[in-house]
Amino acid sequence: STVVPHGDFLDDFDQRRRRAADLPDGTIFSEPAHTRMCRAIVERLDQHDSGVTKFEQTIFTESEYVCRDPDAPYTAVLNMFAAQLLDSANNEIGLNVDYTHRCARWERYCTGNMTTIQFHLPDPLSTTSHAFEPECVDAPTLRTICEGCLASDDPTDPDCVLFPQGYLDTDTNTCNLGCYFSQVLPWIRNNLRTVATHWLNTVESRALTFWLRNAAEFSHREKDDMEVSVVSLSCSNDDCDMSMTECVCEFEPLPNWVYAMHVPRSSTNVAIVVSPTCSKFGEGCTLHAQELFHFFKQLYPRADITENVITSTSSWYMRMITADHLVCPPGVGCLLPSIAR
């Protein structure tokens, strides 16, 4: 991968995303950890096939642009899970290629402003609840996955690790990755649920006024009395970031009656949350949010209706996961939180 000299932190995100995690010698890589890990794994598999049985530990940490990416949380989170999956699978074989994302170290100057969901994921990602079973991936399977990734048009795409095409097992005439696929999504779901539980017990309890700010009708209510509905609007793709001047944001709004079908009249709070990229690049996204705000005001006169462009992906994800009801147009922005609910 490309190595560039270590320099001062760059304020412009378009430049920052070309940076990655610093190594102890001060060099910086420009690829997510799973891509770098795959190269090391293939090299060690070659050595393993030739009879080598012991390997020195090699630790990979996550790229800075993955940890700090505020605009593409779906891809960033999957990058981290892809690397952790490779960690579990290769260590079952004994290749000793380890991963720790260490994303919290990119939170500069101890400001406590850990605004991306990546900062809040466990390190290492939890494998104790519905763990990914590494024995499901043997050495030939791991080689197929990593070689397939490295030979693909985009070796940095985490889907090539998490959702590979697999190959036909001639003994059983089935795809030999059946157990693999059955584990990945529950494993991701439970890690996100762990983060959401922690968030509910800390940040959310201090931010209760977010939901009750203007709700005079419900000002007597306690946290457990609330029924929160969230409508999330974002680009259906994950290709835009705020440093761009132009980007194709595929935004496909739902008809108002669809939201009304899934947001119950008993809701005490209805929050319309809009991603910054949808607000900036999505044709009609901001207008749709404003129309929904007035539509909900009429439909739910006793509820607290809010409409915000939410710049913190950690808050965005947690609102979606912990809401009593979640409605959003199709797209990747809502996919992982929906799975985690």
Protein backbone atom coordinates (compact mmCIF):
# COMPACT_ATOMS: atom_id res chain seq x y z
CA SER A 1 0.00 0.00 0.00
CA THR A 2 1.00 3.62 -0.41
CA VAL A 3 3.11 5.11 2.37
CA VAL A 4 3.22 8.85 2.95
CA PRO A 5 5.24 10.87 5.49
CA HIS A 6 3.65 11.53 8.84
CA GLY A 7 2.54 15.14 9.14
CA ASP A 8 0.25 17.44 11.05
CA PHE A 9 -3.41 16.53 11.25
CA LEU A 10 -5.24 17.79 8.16
CA ASP A 11 -8.46 19.69 8.68
CA ASP A 12 -9.75 19.05 5.20
CA PHE A 13 -11.54 15.68 5.26
CA ASP A 14 -10.93 15.06 1.54
CA GLN A 15 -7.23 14.96 2.40
CA ARG A 16 -7.73 13.20 5.72
CA ARG A 17 -9.47 10.21 4.18
CA ARG A 18 -6.27 9.38 2.30
CA ARG A 19 -4.52 8.96 5.63
CA ALA A 20 -4.62 5.85 7.79
CA ALA A 21 -3.40 4.55 11.11
CA ASP A 22 0.12 5.55 12.09
CA LEU A 23 2.66 2.82 12.69
CA PRO A 24 5.22 3.18 15.48
CA ASP A 25 7.84 4.29 12.96
CA GLY A 26 5.64 7.20 11.86
CA THR A 27 4.49 5.85 8.50
CA ILE A 28 0.86 6.06 7.45
CA PHE A 29 -1.08 3.59 5.31
CA SER A 30 -3.89 4.40 2.93
CA GLU A 31 -5.97 1.21 3.14
CA PRO A 32 -8.36 -0.25 5.72
CA ALA A 33 -6.92 -2.91 7.99
CA HIS A 34 -8.69 -5.88 6.38
CA THR A 35 -6.94 -5.24 3.03
CA ARG A 36 -3.52 -5.12 4.68
CA MET A 37 -4.36 -8.18 6.75
CA CYS A 38 -5.34 -10.20 3.70
CA ARG A 39 -1.91 -9.64 2.15
CA ALA A 40 -0.23 -10.88 5.32
CA ILE A 41 -2.62 -13.83 5.61
CA VAL A 42 -2.03 -15.01 2.03
CA GLU A 43 1.73 -14.76 2.55
CA ARG A 44 1.51 -16.80 5.77
CA LEU A 45 -0.82 -19.35 4.20
CA ASP A 46 1.89 -19.95 1.58
CA GLN A 47 4.40 -20.50 4.36
CA HIS A 48 1.91 -22.68 6.26
CA ASP A 49 1.43 -24.89 3.19
CA SER A 50 5.21 -25.34 2.93
CA GLY A 51 5.45 -26.59 6.51
CA VAL A 52 5.89 -23.51 8.70
CA THR A 53 3.88 -23.93 11.92
CA LYS A 54 4.92 -20.97 14.10
CA PHE A 55 4.54 -17.30 13.23
CA GLU A 56 5.47 -14.12 15.06
CA GLN A 57 2.54 -11.97 16.11
CA THR A 58 1.65 -9.17 13.70
CA ILE A 59 -0.88 -6.59 14.91
CA PHE A 60 -2.90 -4.46 12.51
CA THR A 61 -4.73 -1.33 13.67
CA GLU A 62 -7.51 0.44 11.84
CA SER A 63 -6.94 3.23 9.36
CA GLU A 64 -7.56 6.75 10.60
CA TYR A 65 -9.91 7.57 7.77
CA VAL A 66 -12.02 4.52 8.66
CA CYS A 67 -12.19 5.48 12.34
CA ARG A 68 -12.96 9.13 11.71
CA ASP A 69 -15.14 8.92 8.60
CA PRO A 70 -18.24 10.99 9.53
CA ASP A 71 -20.09 10.50 6.25
CA ALA A 72 -20.04 6.77 5.42
CA PRO A 73 -20.67 4.87 8.67
CA TYR A 74 -22.03 1.80 6.90
CA THR A 75 -18.80 1.17 5.00
CA ALA A 76 -16.59 2.20 7.92
CA VAL A 77 -18.29 -0.16 10.38
CA LEU A 78 -18.17 -3.07 7.92
CA ASN A 79 -14.45 -2.42 7.37
CA MET A 80 -13.90 -2.97 11.09
CA PHE A 81 -15.98 -6.13 11.24
CA ALA A 82 -14.19 -7.53 8.19
CA ALA A 83 -10.84 -7.09 9.93
CA GLN A 84 -12.08 -8.66 13.18
CA LEU A 85 -13.47 -11.63 11.27
CA LEU A 86 -10.09 -12.18 9.59
CA ASP A 87 -8.48 -11.99 13.03
CA SER A 88 -10.72 -14.76 14.39
CA ALA A 89 -10.42 -16.99 11.32
CA ASN A 90 -6.65 -16.81 10.79
CA ASN A 91 -5.83 -17.33 14.46
CA GLU A 92 -7.84 -20.56 14.47
CA ILE A 93 -5.29 -21.79 11.93
CA GLY A 94 -2.38 -20.33 13.91
CA LEU A 95 -1.23 -17.59 11.54
CA ASN A 96 -1.01 -15.06 14.41
CA VAL A 97 -2.28 -12.05 12.42
CA ASP A 98 -4.13 -9.93 14.99
CA TYR A 99 -6.44 -6.91 14.82
CA THR A 100 -7.32 -4.16 17.25
CA HIS A 101 -9.07 -1.12 15.82
CA ARG A 102 -7.86 1.42 18.42
CA CYS A 103 -10.20 4.00 16.95
CA ALA A 104 -10.45 5.95 20.20
CA ARG A 105 -6.85 7.14 19.78
CA TRP A 106 -7.95 9.36 16.89
CA GLU A 107 -10.16 11.39 19.23
CA ARG A 108 -7.76 14.30 19.49
CA TYR A 109 -7.00 16.42 22.55
CA CYS A 110 -9.37 14.45 24.85
CA THR A 111 -12.32 16.64 23.90
CA GLY A 112 -14.80 13.83 24.48
CA ASN A 113 -16.25 14.60 21.07
CA MET A 114 -16.37 10.98 19.87
CA THR A 115 -18.97 11.61 17.21
CA THR A 116 -18.56 8.62 14.89
CA ILE A 117 -20.11 5.25 15.65
CA GLN A 118 -16.69 3.70 14.97
CA PHE A 119 -15.28 5.26 18.16
CA HIS A 120 -17.88 3.49 20.29
CA LEU A 121 -17.52 -0.08 19.02
CA PRO A 122 -15.86 -2.50 21.47
CA ASP A 123 -12.15 -3.07 20.99
CA PRO A 124 -11.72 -5.85 20.13
CA LEU A 125 -15.17 -6.37 18.67
CA SER A 126 -17.07 -8.74 20.93
CA THR A 127 -17.09 -12.42 20.06
CA THR A 128 -18.73 -13.60 23.30
CA SER A 129 -22.38 -13.23 22.27
CA HIS A 130 -23.36 -15.17 19.13
CA ALA A 131 -19.67 -15.31 18.30
CA PHE A 132 -18.44 -15.85 14.80
CA GLU A 133 -17.20 -19.44 14.87
CA PRO A 134 -13.73 -19.36 13.30
CA GLU A 135 -13.67 -23.11 12.64
CA CYS A 136 -16.29 -22.43 9.99
CA VAL A 137 -13.48 -20.97 7.86
CA ASP A 138 -10.64 -23.38 7.16
CA ALA A 139 -7.35 -22.52 5.44
CA PRO A 140 -8.57 -23.07 1.83
CA THR A 141 -11.68 -20.97 2.50
CA LEU A 142 -9.64 -18.18 4.07
CA ARG A 143 -7.27 -18.21 1.11
CA THR A 144 -10.18 -18.03 -1.33
CA ILE A 145 -11.68 -15.08 0.53
CA CYS A 146 -8.46 -13.07 0.77
CA GLU A 147 -7.20 -13.83 -2.73
CA GLY A 148 -10.63 -12.96 -4.09
CA CYS A 149 -10.55 -9.62 -2.27
CA LEU A 150 -7.05 -8.71 -3.39
CA ALA A 151 -7.85 -9.60 -7.02
CA SER A 152 -11.13 -7.68 -7.07
CA ASP A 153 -11.70 -4.26 -8.63
CA ASP A 154 -11.88 -2.76 -5.14
CA PRO A 155 -9.75 -4.66 -2.58
CA THR A 156 -10.84 -2.20 0.11
CA ASP A 157 -14.52 -3.22 -0.15
CA PRO A 158 -15.39 -5.03 3.13
CA ASP A 159 -18.15 -7.00 1.43
CA CYS A 160 -15.54 -9.25 -0.17
CA VAL A 161 -14.61 -10.48 3.33
CA LEU A 162 -18.00 -10.39 5.03
CA PHE A 163 -20.14 -11.60 2.13
CA PRO A 164 -17.86 -13.48 -0.29
CA GLN A 165 -19.15 -15.46 -3.24
CA GLY A 166 -17.76 -18.70 -1.86
CA TYR A 167 -17.17 -21.75 -3.99
CA LEU A 168 -18.87 -25.08 -4.61
CA ASP A 169 -18.06 -27.92 -2.22
CA THR A 170 -17.99 -30.90 -4.60
CA ASP A 171 -18.40 -33.41 -1.75
CA THR A 172 -21.75 -32.00 -0.65
CA ASN A 173 -22.69 -30.09 -3.83
CA THR A 174 -23.41 -27.02 -1.68
CA CYS A 175 -21.77 -23.67 -1.07
CA ASN A 176 -19.20 -24.36 1.62
CA LEU A 177 -19.81 -20.97 3.23
CA GLY A 178 -23.30 -21.72 4.49
CA CYS A 179 -22.32 -21.63 8.16
CA TYR A 180 -20.24 -18.54 7.48
CA PHE A 181 -23.15 -16.52 6.14
CA SER A 182 -25.47 -17.62 8.95
CA GLN A 183 -23.15 -16.08 11.53
CA VAL A 184 -21.99 -12.75 10.14
CA LEU A 185 -25.14 -10.65 10.46
CA PRO A 186 -26.09 -11.88 13.99
CA TRP A 187 -22.51 -11.19 15.07
CA ILE A 188 -22.66 -7.61 13.74
CA ARG A 189 -26.12 -7.14 15.26
CA ASN A 190 -25.05 -8.13 18.75
CA ASN A 191 -22.03 -5.82 18.76
CA LEU A 192 -24.22 -2.88 17.79
CA ARG A 193 -26.74 -3.86 20.46
CA THR A 194 -23.95 -3.85 23.05
CA VAL A 195 -23.03 -0.29 22.04
CA ALA A 196 -26.69 0.78 22.13
CA THR A 197 -27.16 -0.64 25.64
CA HIS A 198 -24.17 1.30 26.90
CA TRP A 199 -25.40 4.44 25.16
CA LEU A 200 -28.85 4.12 26.74
CA ASN A 201 -27.31 3.83 30.19
CA THR A 202 -25.01 6.84 29.78
CA VAL A 203 -25.47 9.39 27.01
CA GLU A 204 -29.22 8.95 26.48
CA SER A 205 -30.07 9.28 30.15
CA ARG A 206 -28.30 12.66 30.19
CA ALA A 207 -29.95 13.77 26.95
CA LEU A 208 -33.57 13.04 27.81
CA THR A 209 -34.48 16.64 27.06
CA PHE A 210 -33.71 15.94 23.40
CA TRP A 211 -37.06 14.19 23.27
CA LEU A 212 -39.02 16.27 25.79
CA ARG A 213 -37.77 19.70 24.84
CA ASN A 214 -41.12 21.10 23.68
CA ALA A 215 -43.51 18.39 24.76
CA ALA A 216 -45.63 20.25 27.31
CA GLU A 217 -48.31 17.59 27.02
CA PHE A 218 -45.82 14.95 28.14
CA SER A 219 -43.55 16.93 30.45
CA HIS A 220 -44.67 14.79 33.39
CA ARG A 221 -43.48 11.61 31.74
CA GLU A 222 -40.48 9.59 32.83
CA LYS A 223 -38.06 7.90 30.47
CA ASP A 224 -39.94 4.59 30.59
CA ASP A 225 -43.21 6.30 29.64
CA MET A 226 -41.86 7.56 26.34
CA GLU A 227 -42.68 6.00 22.99
CA VAL A 228 -40.14 7.26 20.47
CA SER A 229 -40.48 7.01 16.69
CA VAL A 230 -37.57 7.89 14.42
CA VAL A 231 -37.76 8.66 10.71
CA SER A 232 -34.28 8.56 9.19
CA LEU A 233 -33.52 10.16 5.82
CA SER A 234 -30.21 9.43 4.09
CA CYS A 235 -28.71 8.64 0.70
CA SER A 236 -29.38 5.06 -0.34
CA ASN A 237 -25.72 4.80 -1.38
CA ASP A 238 -22.64 5.43 0.78
CA ASP A 239 -20.45 7.26 -1.75
CA CYS A 240 -20.73 10.92 -0.72
CA ASP A 241 -18.77 12.91 1.83
CA MET A 242 -19.17 16.51 2.88
CA SER A 243 -15.85 17.65 1.41
CA MET A 244 -17.21 17.12 -2.12
CA THR A 245 -18.81 19.90 -4.10
CA GLU A 246 -20.89 17.47 -6.17
CA CYS A 247 -22.03 13.92 -5.52
CA VAL A 248 -24.84 11.67 -6.70
CA CYS A 249 -26.97 10.98 -3.63
CA GLU A 250 -29.61 8.40 -4.47
CA PHE A 251 -32.51 9.54 -2.32
CA GLU A 252 -35.87 7.84 -2.76
CA PRO A 253 -38.49 9.22 -0.32
CA LEU A 254 -41.49 7.21 0.74
CA PRO A 255 -45.06 8.54 0.39
CA ASN A 256 -46.32 10.26 3.54
CA TRP A 257 -49.00 7.62 4.11
CA VAL A 258 -46.30 4.94 4.48
CA TYR A 259 -44.72 6.82 7.40
CA ALA A 260 -48.18 7.28 8.92
CA MET A 261 -48.79 3.51 8.75
CA HIS A 262 -45.67 2.74 10.80
CA VAL A 263 -45.54 5.66 13.24
CA PRO A 264 -48.26 4.94 15.82
CA ARG A 265 -50.58 7.60 17.26
CA SER A 266 -49.31 6.67 20.72
CA SER A 267 -45.86 8.13 19.95
CA THR A 268 -44.80 10.75 22.46
CA ASN A 269 -41.86 11.83 20.30
CA VAL A 270 -41.31 11.70 16.56
CA ALA A 271 -37.80 12.63 15.41
CA ILE A 272 -36.93 13.23 11.76
CA VAL A 273 -33.17 12.81 11.46
CA VAL A 274 -31.42 13.74 8.23
CA SER A 275 -27.87 12.79 7.31
CA PRO A 276 -25.61 15.72 6.26
CA THR A 277 -24.87 14.12 2.88
CA CYS A 278 -28.58 13.72 2.15
CA SER A 279 -29.20 17.33 3.17
CA LYS A 280 -26.38 18.59 0.93
CA PHE A 281 -26.60 16.30 -2.11
CA GLY A 282 -29.98 14.55 -2.01
CA GLU A 283 -32.44 16.06 -4.44
CA GLY A 284 -35.53 16.95 -2.45
CA CYS A 285 -34.17 15.50 0.80
CA THR A 286 -34.37 18.71 2.87
CA LEU A 287 -37.75 19.62 1.38
CA HIS A 288 -39.06 16.14 2.17
CA ALA A 289 -37.92 16.45 5.80
CA GLN A 290 -39.68 19.81 6.15
CA GLU A 291 -42.87 18.44 4.59
CA LEU A 292 -42.79 15.48 6.97
CA PHE A 293 -42.32 17.82 9.93
CA HIS A 294 -45.53 19.73 9.12
CA PHE A 295 -47.34 16.50 8.19
CA PHE A 296 -46.48 14.94 11.56
CA LYS A 297 -47.42 18.15 13.40
CA GLN A 298 -50.93 17.78 12.07
CA LEU A 299 -51.12 14.01 12.42
CA TYR A 300 -49.66 13.80 15.96
CA PRO A 301 -50.70 17.06 17.70
CA ARG A 302 -49.79 15.82 21.19
CA ALA A 303 -46.34 14.49 20.27
CA ASP A 304 -43.03 16.34 20.27
CA ILE A 305 -41.99 16.57 16.61
CA THR A 306 -38.35 17.42 15.83
CA GLU A 307 -36.42 17.69 12.59
CA ASN A 308 -32.61 17.82 12.61
CA VAL A 309 -29.62 17.33 10.37
CA ILE A 310 -27.62 15.03 12.61
CA THR A 311 -23.86 15.31 12.15
CA SER A 312 -22.85 12.67 14.71
CA THR A 313 -23.07 9.17 13.28
CA SER A 314 -22.87 7.68 16.77
CA SER A 315 -25.99 9.58 17.82
CA TRP A 316 -27.66 8.82 14.48
CA TYR A 317 -27.09 5.07 14.80
CA MET A 318 -28.06 4.93 18.45
CA ARG A 319 -31.30 6.87 17.88
CA MET A 320 -32.27 4.41 15.17
CA ILE A 321 -31.35 1.28 17.15
CA THR A 322 -33.00 2.32 20.42
CA ALA A 323 -36.17 3.91 19.01
CA ASP A 324 -39.44 2.12 19.64
CA HIS A 325 -40.31 2.52 15.95
CA LEU A 326 -37.99 3.15 13.01
CA VAL A 327 -39.04 4.11 9.50
CA CYS A 328 -36.67 5.00 6.67
CA PRO A 329 -36.51 4.86 2.87
CA PRO A 330 -34.44 1.98 1.42
CA GLY A 331 -30.67 2.39 1.56
CA VAL A 332 -27.51 1.46 3.44
CA GLY A 333 -27.82 4.33 5.93
CA CYS A 334 -30.57 2.50 7.81
CA LEU A 335 -29.48 -1.09 7.10
CA LEU A 336 -27.17 -1.91 10.03
CA PRO A 337 -29.33 -0.17 12.68
CA SER A 338 -32.38 -2.03 11.33
CA ILE A 339 -30.52 -5.34 11.63
CA ALA A 340 -29.45 -4.46 15.19
CA ARG A 341 -32.97 -3.75 16.44
